[in-house]
Amino acid sequence: MSKNVIVGIFGGGQLGMMLCEAAKKLKVRTHIFCPDTNAPAQFHSDFFTNADYMNEDAVLQFAKSVDFITYEFENIPLETINSLTNKSKIRPGKLSLEKSQDRLLEKIFLDSLNIKIAPYVQVTSPEDISKAQDKFGESILKTRTLGYDGKGQIKIKKTIDPIFYFKEVKSKSIIEKKIDFEFEVSQIIARDSYGNIAIYPIVRNIHENHILKHTFAPAALEEDLATKIQEISKIIIKELNHVGVLSIEFFVTKGDVLVNEIAPRVHNSGHWTIEGCSVSQFEQHLRCVIDEEVQDPSFLFDAHMINIIGDEIKAWTNKSEESNEFVHLYKKKNIKDGRKMGHVTYIYEKDELPKNL
C-alpha cells in the first residue's frame, strides 16, 4: 500500500492509538480527529485535528485531507456523518453506526433477523416501567444512547416506585429482562469491501463492575454452539453491509446463545490479537477500510488479556515484562476510577493456558 494513503479516524482514545500503530505496519498514514486535547492517539498519528464533532467546517476540511474515514467508537454524531458529501469514504457505513448507537434500533434490527436477544420494552413513561416490572421481574433499565462500560444502566427493583426510575434515567430508554446466563463471549469478525469475511476465535469475557477485566482466548465451547455464534455473526455483518471489524457480544445460557450488543469497530476483547494472531483486529480493520482483502487471522497463541483500570496503572508504569507478557500503556493524562489505562496480554502455547485462571 502506498504511503500516500491517509486514513482519517474519528476518536482519539486507545482504540484509535492502536489503529495508528497498526497503520505503520501497512505503511498507511493516519489523521486523528478528536475534541480531546489530551487524546492519546494523537501521539501516534501523522496528523491531528482538535475540534468538536459538530464543527462542520473542521469536519469537512478533515474529510478533504484523507482518502478513507473510519471511527474508533460508535457515538460519533450522525449529523457529523451526514455532513460529509462523499459517504463512500466512510467505513463502516452509516447503517452500522445508526443501529449500534441506539439500543432500541439495535434490538429492532436483530429482531428483524430472528436473532435471539433479551426480552425488552421501550420506555416512554413511568407506566412502561411498571408494566416491565410486572412482566420481567428482575430487569435492567438502559439508556438508548451513550451507554458503554456499564454507563446508563440501572437495575430495576419491583419494590421501588417507577417514577423514581423514570426521573433517574433522564433520557430515552429501554428495559431488558435480566438474563440468567452462564458466561459471556464475544466474536470479532471482519468483512472487506469485496464481501470476503474473516472470523477470529471466539473469546470468553469476565466483567468487574460492568467493565471488561479479563478475556480468555479461545473460549471453551461446544462445537455446535461455536458454529451457531459464527453463523449469527455472519448474518449480522452481511445484513449491515459492514466493511471493517464488527464486534458482537453474546450471553451463553444453558445450550443456547443470545446477542447482547454489537459494536461497529475494533473491540476491547480483541486486544489479545496483537500478539495472539497473525493479523491483529486493528490491522484487519484498516485493510478493510483501505479496500484491501481480509487476511486469514491464523491463531498463534492462547491468550489471557487483562485490562489495567484506574489506580492499577501505578503498579505497571515501570514494570519489566516477562517473556510471555506484553504490556500496553495508553498514557492517559488523568487517572480515574473505572478508566481503562492500559492492558496486558499473556500468551501461551496451544492448550497451555492455565486452567485455574
Protein backbone atom coordinates (compact mmCIF):
# COMPACT_ATOMS: atom_id res chain seq x y z
CA MET A 1 0.00 0.00 0.00
CA SER A 2 1.27 3.45 -0.93
CA LYS A 3 2.47 5.76 1.81
CA ASN A 4 0.31 8.41 0.17
CA VAL A 5 -2.87 6.81 1.53
CA ILE A 6 -4.25 8.61 4.60
CA VAL A 7 -6.93 7.11 6.84
CA GLY A 8 -8.92 9.56 8.94
CA ILE A 9 -10.08 8.31 12.33
CA PHE A 10 -12.87 9.90 14.37
CA GLY A 11 -11.91 9.48 18.02
CA GLY A 12 -8.57 9.65 19.77
CA GLY A 13 -8.66 7.06 22.55
CA GLN A 14 -6.72 3.83 22.95
CA LEU A 15 -8.52 2.13 20.06
CA GLY A 16 -7.50 4.97 17.77
CA MET A 17 -3.99 4.74 19.17
CA MET A 18 -3.71 1.04 18.33
CA LEU A 19 -5.17 1.64 14.87
CA CYS A 20 -2.42 4.21 14.29
CA GLU A 21 0.21 1.72 15.43
CA ALA A 22 -1.16 -0.93 13.06
CA ALA A 23 -1.23 1.58 10.19
CA LYS A 24 2.54 1.99 10.39
CA LYS A 25 2.96 -1.71 9.58
CA LEU A 26 0.81 -1.18 6.47
CA LYS A 27 2.73 1.98 5.54
CA VAL A 28 -0.51 3.96 5.80
CA ARG A 29 -0.66 7.41 7.35
CA THR A 30 -3.34 8.39 9.86
CA HIS A 31 -5.19 11.57 10.76
CA ILE A 32 -6.95 11.68 14.15
CA PHE A 33 -9.99 13.94 14.64
CA CYS A 34 -10.90 14.37 18.29
CA PRO A 35 -12.20 17.14 20.58
CA ASP A 36 -9.97 15.98 23.46
CA THR A 37 -6.70 17.91 23.58
CA ASN A 38 -5.17 15.04 25.59
CA ALA A 39 -6.25 12.29 23.19
CA PRO A 40 -3.59 9.53 23.43
CA ALA A 41 -3.95 8.59 19.75
CA GLN A 42 -2.62 11.97 18.59
CA PHE A 43 0.91 10.99 19.64
CA HIS A 44 0.83 8.00 17.29
CA SER A 45 -0.85 9.62 14.28
CA ASP A 46 0.68 11.58 11.42
CA PHE A 47 -1.89 14.38 11.65
CA PHE A 48 -4.22 15.62 14.37
CA THR A 49 -7.30 17.83 14.24
CA ASN A 50 -8.52 19.06 17.60
CA ALA A 51 -12.13 20.13 17.06
CA ASP A 52 -15.68 19.29 18.08
CA TYR A 53 -17.52 16.66 16.06
CA MET A 54 -20.25 19.22 15.35
CA ASN A 55 -17.77 21.72 13.89
CA GLU A 56 -18.87 21.32 10.27
CA ASP A 57 -16.02 23.33 8.75
CA ALA A 58 -13.40 21.32 10.63
CA VAL A 59 -15.09 18.04 9.70
CA LEU A 60 -15.19 18.98 6.00
CA GLN A 61 -11.52 20.03 5.99
CA PHE A 62 -10.65 16.78 7.73
CA ALA A 63 -12.59 14.76 5.13
CA LYS A 64 -10.80 16.54 2.28
CA SER A 65 -7.41 15.70 3.77
CA VAL A 66 -7.92 11.91 3.89
CA ASP A 67 -8.65 9.06 1.49
CA PHE A 68 -10.83 6.98 3.82
CA ILE A 69 -12.61 7.62 7.11
CA THR A 70 -13.29 5.24 9.99
CA TYR A 71 -14.10 5.64 13.69
CA GLU A 72 -12.90 4.16 16.95
CA PHE A 73 -16.20 4.45 18.82
CA GLU A 74 -19.85 4.41 17.82
CA ASN A 75 -21.05 7.62 19.44
CA ILE A 76 -19.96 9.95 16.65
CA PRO A 77 -22.98 12.22 16.00
CA LEU A 78 -24.88 11.09 12.91
CA GLU A 79 -25.04 14.76 11.92
CA THR A 80 -21.27 14.64 11.52
CA ILE A 81 -21.51 11.71 9.12
CA ASN A 82 -24.44 13.29 7.27
CA SER A 83 -22.41 16.46 6.67
CA LEU A 84 -19.89 14.58 4.55
CA THR A 85 -20.67 14.60 0.85
CA ASN A 86 -18.66 11.53 -0.15
CA LYS A 87 -20.21 8.92 2.13
CA SER A 88 -18.40 6.11 0.31
CA LYS A 89 -15.20 7.16 2.09
CA ILE A 90 -16.70 6.18 5.45
CA ARG A 91 -16.10 2.63 6.62
CA PRO A 92 -18.01 1.07 8.29
CA GLY A 93 -21.03 2.77 6.72
CA LYS A 94 -23.79 4.83 8.27
CA LEU A 95 -26.15 1.86 8.77
CA SER A 96 -23.76 0.16 11.21
CA LEU A 97 -23.43 3.41 13.14
CA GLU A 98 -27.19 4.02 13.29
CA LYS A 99 -28.06 0.55 14.57
CA SER A 100 -25.31 0.38 17.19
CA GLN A 101 -25.77 3.91 18.57
CA ASP A 102 -29.31 3.31 19.73
CA ARG A 103 -30.14 0.24 21.82
CA LEU A 104 -33.75 0.25 20.63
CA LEU A 105 -32.83 0.39 16.93
CA GLU A 106 -30.22 -2.30 17.52
CA LYS A 107 -32.81 -4.62 19.07
CA ILE A 108 -35.38 -3.95 16.35
CA PHE A 109 -32.70 -4.76 13.76
CA LEU A 110 -31.72 -8.04 15.48
CA ASP A 111 -35.39 -8.95 15.95
CA SER A 112 -35.95 -8.47 12.22
CA LEU A 113 -33.27 -11.11 11.56
CA ASN A 114 -34.90 -13.55 14.03
CA ILE A 115 -31.79 -13.42 16.20
CA LYS A 116 -32.43 -14.22 19.84
CA ILE A 117 -31.98 -11.29 22.26
CA ALA A 118 -33.10 -10.46 25.79
CA PRO A 119 -36.83 -9.60 26.01
CA TYR A 120 -37.27 -5.83 26.20
CA VAL A 121 -39.76 -2.95 26.15
CA GLN A 122 -39.39 0.65 25.06
CA VAL A 123 -39.77 3.17 27.89
CA THR A 124 -41.65 6.41 27.27
CA SER A 125 -43.42 6.77 30.64
CA PRO A 126 -43.39 5.50 34.25
CA GLU A 127 -46.26 3.21 33.25
CA ASP A 128 -43.94 1.37 30.85
CA ILE A 129 -41.54 0.73 33.72
CA SER A 130 -44.37 -0.51 35.94
CA LYS A 131 -45.55 -2.96 33.27
CA ALA A 132 -41.99 -4.21 32.74
CA GLN A 133 -41.58 -4.74 36.49
CA ASP A 134 -44.65 -6.99 36.42
CA LYS A 135 -43.70 -8.72 33.17
CA PHE A 136 -39.98 -9.32 33.67
CA GLY A 137 -39.40 -9.20 37.40
CA GLU A 138 -35.66 -8.58 37.75
CA SER A 139 -34.64 -6.32 34.87
CA ILE A 140 -32.30 -3.54 33.76
CA LEU A 141 -33.21 -0.02 32.68
CA LYS A 142 -30.84 1.17 29.96
CA THR A 143 -30.49 4.49 28.19
CA ARG A 144 -30.92 4.07 24.44
CA THR A 145 -27.75 6.02 23.67
CA LEU A 146 -24.27 6.73 25.09
CA GLY A 147 -24.06 3.51 27.06
CA TYR A 148 -20.68 1.78 27.48
CA ASP A 149 -18.74 0.09 30.29
CA GLY A 150 -21.96 -0.15 32.31
CA LYS A 151 -22.85 3.53 31.96
CA GLY A 152 -26.53 4.37 31.53
CA GLN A 153 -27.76 1.21 33.27
CA ILE A 154 -29.88 0.82 36.40
CA LYS A 155 -31.03 -2.45 37.98
CA ILE A 156 -34.80 -2.39 38.48
CA LYS A 157 -36.34 -3.48 41.77
CA LYS A 158 -40.05 -4.22 41.88
CA THR A 159 -40.44 -2.54 45.27
CA ILE A 160 -39.30 0.91 44.07
CA ASP A 161 -41.65 3.48 42.52
CA PRO A 162 -41.36 3.54 38.67
CA ILE A 163 -41.47 7.35 38.75
CA PHE A 164 -38.12 7.32 40.58
CA TYR A 165 -36.50 5.29 37.79
CA PHE A 166 -38.09 7.40 35.07
CA LYS A 167 -36.67 10.58 36.60
CA GLU A 168 -33.31 8.93 37.25
CA VAL A 169 -32.59 7.89 33.67
CA LYS A 170 -33.41 11.36 32.21
CA SER A 171 -33.38 10.16 28.59
CA LYS A 172 -34.95 7.78 26.10
CA SER A 173 -34.56 4.25 27.38
CA ILE A 174 -35.50 0.58 27.24
CA ILE A 175 -35.95 -2.12 29.86
CA GLU A 176 -34.38 -5.54 29.35
CA LYS A 177 -35.21 -8.68 31.25
CA LYS A 178 -32.17 -9.75 33.28
CA ILE A 179 -30.72 -12.85 31.64
CA ASP A 180 -29.55 -15.74 33.79
CA PHE A 181 -26.50 -16.53 31.66
CA GLU A 182 -23.66 -18.93 32.37
CA PHE A 183 -20.93 -16.73 30.91
CA GLU A 184 -20.22 -14.09 28.26
CA VAL A 185 -18.34 -14.43 24.99
CA SER A 186 -17.59 -12.19 22.06
CA GLN A 187 -16.92 -12.67 18.38
CA ILE A 188 -14.62 -10.43 16.35
CA ILE A 189 -15.48 -10.68 12.66
CA ALA A 190 -14.30 -8.64 9.67
CA ARG A 191 -15.65 -8.07 6.17
CA ASP A 192 -13.91 -6.31 3.29
CA SER A 193 -15.45 -4.21 0.52
CA TYR A 194 -15.48 -7.28 -1.74
CA GLY A 195 -17.68 -9.27 0.65
CA ASN A 196 -14.95 -11.57 1.98
CA ILE A 197 -15.22 -12.44 5.67
CA ALA A 198 -12.57 -13.31 8.28
CA ILE A 199 -13.51 -14.74 11.67
CA TYR A 200 -11.40 -14.64 14.83
CA PRO A 201 -11.55 -17.24 17.60
CA ILE A 202 -14.46 -16.74 19.99
CA VAL A 203 -13.28 -15.47 23.37
CA ARG A 204 -14.66 -15.62 26.90
CA ASN A 205 -15.04 -12.37 28.85
CA ILE A 206 -15.28 -11.59 32.54
CA HIS A 207 -16.53 -8.18 33.69
CA GLU A 208 -15.98 -6.46 37.02
CA ASN A 209 -18.27 -3.54 37.89
CA HIS A 210 -19.66 -3.68 34.33
CA ILE A 211 -16.16 -3.16 32.85
CA LEU A 212 -14.31 -5.83 30.92
CA LYS A 213 -11.49 -7.15 33.11
CA HIS A 214 -10.40 -10.48 31.59
CA THR A 215 -10.53 -12.01 28.12
CA PHE A 216 -9.53 -15.62 27.52
CA ALA A 217 -8.75 -16.85 24.01
CA PRO A 218 -10.05 -19.19 22.83
CA ALA A 219 -13.32 -19.75 24.69
CA ALA A 220 -14.01 -23.37 25.61
CA LEU A 221 -17.27 -24.02 23.74
CA GLU A 222 -19.11 -27.00 22.32
CA GLU A 223 -18.57 -27.11 18.56
CA ASP A 224 -22.26 -26.66 17.70
CA LEU A 225 -22.52 -23.60 19.95
CA ALA A 226 -19.40 -22.04 18.43
CA THR A 227 -20.78 -22.69 14.93
CA LYS A 228 -24.06 -21.02 15.89
CA ILE A 229 -22.24 -17.92 17.18
CA GLN A 230 -20.22 -17.68 13.98
CA GLU A 231 -23.28 -18.09 11.75
CA ILE A 232 -25.19 -15.39 13.66
CA SER A 233 -22.19 -13.09 13.33
CA LYS A 234 -22.00 -13.66 9.57
CA ILE A 235 -25.70 -12.83 9.18
CA ILE A 236 -25.31 -9.57 11.11
CA ILE A 237 -22.22 -8.34 9.27
CA LYS A 238 -23.75 -9.13 5.86
CA GLU A 239 -27.11 -7.50 6.65
CA LEU A 240 -25.35 -4.32 7.77
CA ASN A 241 -23.24 -4.37 4.59
CA HIS A 242 -20.49 -3.71 7.12
CA VAL A 243 -16.95 -3.04 5.92
CA GLY A 244 -14.36 -3.36 8.68
CA VAL A 245 -14.24 -5.14 12.01
CA LEU A 246 -17.52 -5.84 13.80
CA SER A 247 -17.65 -7.00 17.42
CA ILE A 248 -20.60 -8.94 18.82
CA GLU A 249 -21.14 -9.76 22.49
CA PHE A 250 -23.16 -12.85 23.43
CA PHE A 251 -24.73 -14.30 26.56
CA VAL A 252 -24.26 -18.08 26.76
CA THR A 253 -27.19 -19.74 28.51
CA LYS A 254 -27.84 -23.45 29.01
CA GLY A 255 -27.41 -24.79 25.50
CA ASP A 256 -28.13 -21.53 23.70
CA VAL A 257 -26.84 -18.01 22.98
CA LEU A 258 -28.36 -14.52 22.92
CA VAL A 259 -26.83 -11.43 21.34
CA ASN A 260 -26.16 -8.80 23.99
CA GLU A 261 -24.88 -5.95 21.81
CA ILE A 262 -22.91 -5.10 18.70
CA ALA A 263 -20.06 -2.63 18.21
CA PRO A 264 -19.14 -1.45 14.67
CA ARG A 265 -15.44 -1.21 15.42
CA VAL A 266 -12.39 -2.82 16.94
CA HIS A 267 -13.11 -4.03 20.46
CA ASN A 268 -11.51 -4.37 23.88
CA SER A 269 -11.98 -8.14 23.80
CA GLY A 270 -9.86 -8.28 20.64
CA HIS A 271 -6.72 -6.65 22.03
CA TRP A 272 -5.11 -10.07 22.51
CA THR A 273 -5.00 -10.48 18.70
CA ILE A 274 -1.99 -8.12 18.56
CA GLU A 275 0.19 -10.93 19.93
CA GLY A 276 -2.12 -13.93 19.56
CA CYS A 277 -2.95 -13.86 15.84
CA SER A 278 -1.06 -13.40 12.60
CA VAL A 279 -3.24 -10.37 11.80
CA SER A 280 -4.49 -8.20 14.66
CA GLN A 281 -8.02 -6.83 14.69
CA PHE A 282 -6.52 -3.36 14.16
CA GLU A 283 -4.57 -4.30 11.04
CA GLN A 284 -7.56 -6.26 9.73
CA HIS A 285 -9.88 -3.29 10.19
CA LEU A 286 -7.53 -0.98 8.31
CA ARG A 287 -7.14 -3.47 5.47
CA CYS A 288 -10.91 -3.44 5.03
CA VAL A 289 -11.10 0.35 5.24
CA ILE A 290 -8.47 0.89 2.52
CA ASP A 291 -10.03 -1.61 0.08
CA GLU A 292 -7.62 -4.47 0.65
CA GLU A 293 -8.89 -8.02 1.11
CA VAL A 294 -9.22 -9.51 4.58
CA GLN A 295 -6.49 -11.90 5.64
CA ASP A 296 -6.93 -15.17 7.47
CA PRO A 297 -6.13 -14.38 11.12
CA SER A 298 -4.11 -17.51 11.91
CA PHE A 299 -4.32 -18.39 15.60
CA LEU A 300 -0.77 -18.29 17.00
CA PHE A 301 -1.14 -18.49 20.77
CA ASP A 302 -3.69 -19.00 23.52
CA ALA A 303 -4.01 -15.71 25.38
CA HIS A 304 -5.22 -14.04 28.55
CA MET A 305 -5.81 -10.28 28.32
CA ILE A 306 -6.26 -8.21 31.48
CA ASN A 307 -7.39 -4.59 31.49
CA ILE A 308 -5.40 -2.20 33.68
CA ILE A 309 -8.03 0.01 35.29
CA GLY A 310 -7.74 3.21 37.33
CA ASP A 311 -5.06 3.20 40.02
CA GLU A 312 -3.81 -0.23 38.91
CA ILE A 313 -1.69 1.63 36.37
CA LYS A 314 0.73 2.67 39.14
CA ALA A 315 1.93 -0.92 39.52
CA TRP A 316 2.65 -1.24 35.81
CA THR A 317 4.35 2.04 34.89
CA ASN A 318 7.94 0.88 35.41
CA LYS A 319 7.42 -2.87 35.48
CA SER A 320 9.68 -5.04 33.33
CA GLU A 321 7.94 -7.58 31.07
CA GLU A 322 8.13 -11.34 31.46
CA SER A 323 8.84 -13.41 28.35
CA ASN A 324 5.16 -14.18 27.70
CA GLU A 325 3.85 -10.81 28.91
CA PHE A 326 3.06 -7.84 26.68
CA VAL A 327 2.16 -4.57 28.41
CA HIS A 328 0.32 -1.79 26.57
CA LEU A 329 0.01 1.52 28.44
CA TYR A 330 -2.27 4.17 26.97
CA LYS A 331 -0.52 7.13 28.62
CA LYS A 332 -3.76 8.89 29.50
CA LYS A 333 -3.15 12.11 31.37
CA ASN A 334 -5.61 11.61 34.23
CA ILE A 335 -6.19 8.50 36.31
CA LYS A 336 -9.87 7.93 37.12
CA ASP A 337 -11.82 5.15 38.81
CA GLY A 338 -13.11 2.77 36.16
CA ARG A 339 -10.93 4.26 33.43
CA LYS A 340 -9.02 1.89 31.17
CA MET A 341 -5.37 2.92 31.47
CA GLY A 342 -3.78 0.02 29.63
CA HIS A 343 -3.87 -3.73 29.17
CA VAL A 344 -1.52 -6.67 29.46
CA THR A 345 -1.64 -9.83 27.35
CA TYR A 346 -0.14 -13.16 28.40
CA ILE A 347 0.44 -15.66 25.61
CA TYR A 348 0.73 -19.45 25.92
CA GLU A 349 1.40 -22.33 23.57
CA LYS A 350 -1.75 -24.05 22.37
CA ASP A 351 -3.73 -25.67 25.21
CA GLU A 352 -1.25 -24.39 27.82
CA LEU A 353 -3.44 -21.54 29.11
CA PRO A 354 -3.59 -22.19 32.88
CA LYS A 355 -6.91 -23.87 33.68
CA ASN A 356 -7.23 -22.23 37.11
CA LEU A 357 -7.37 -18.65 35.77
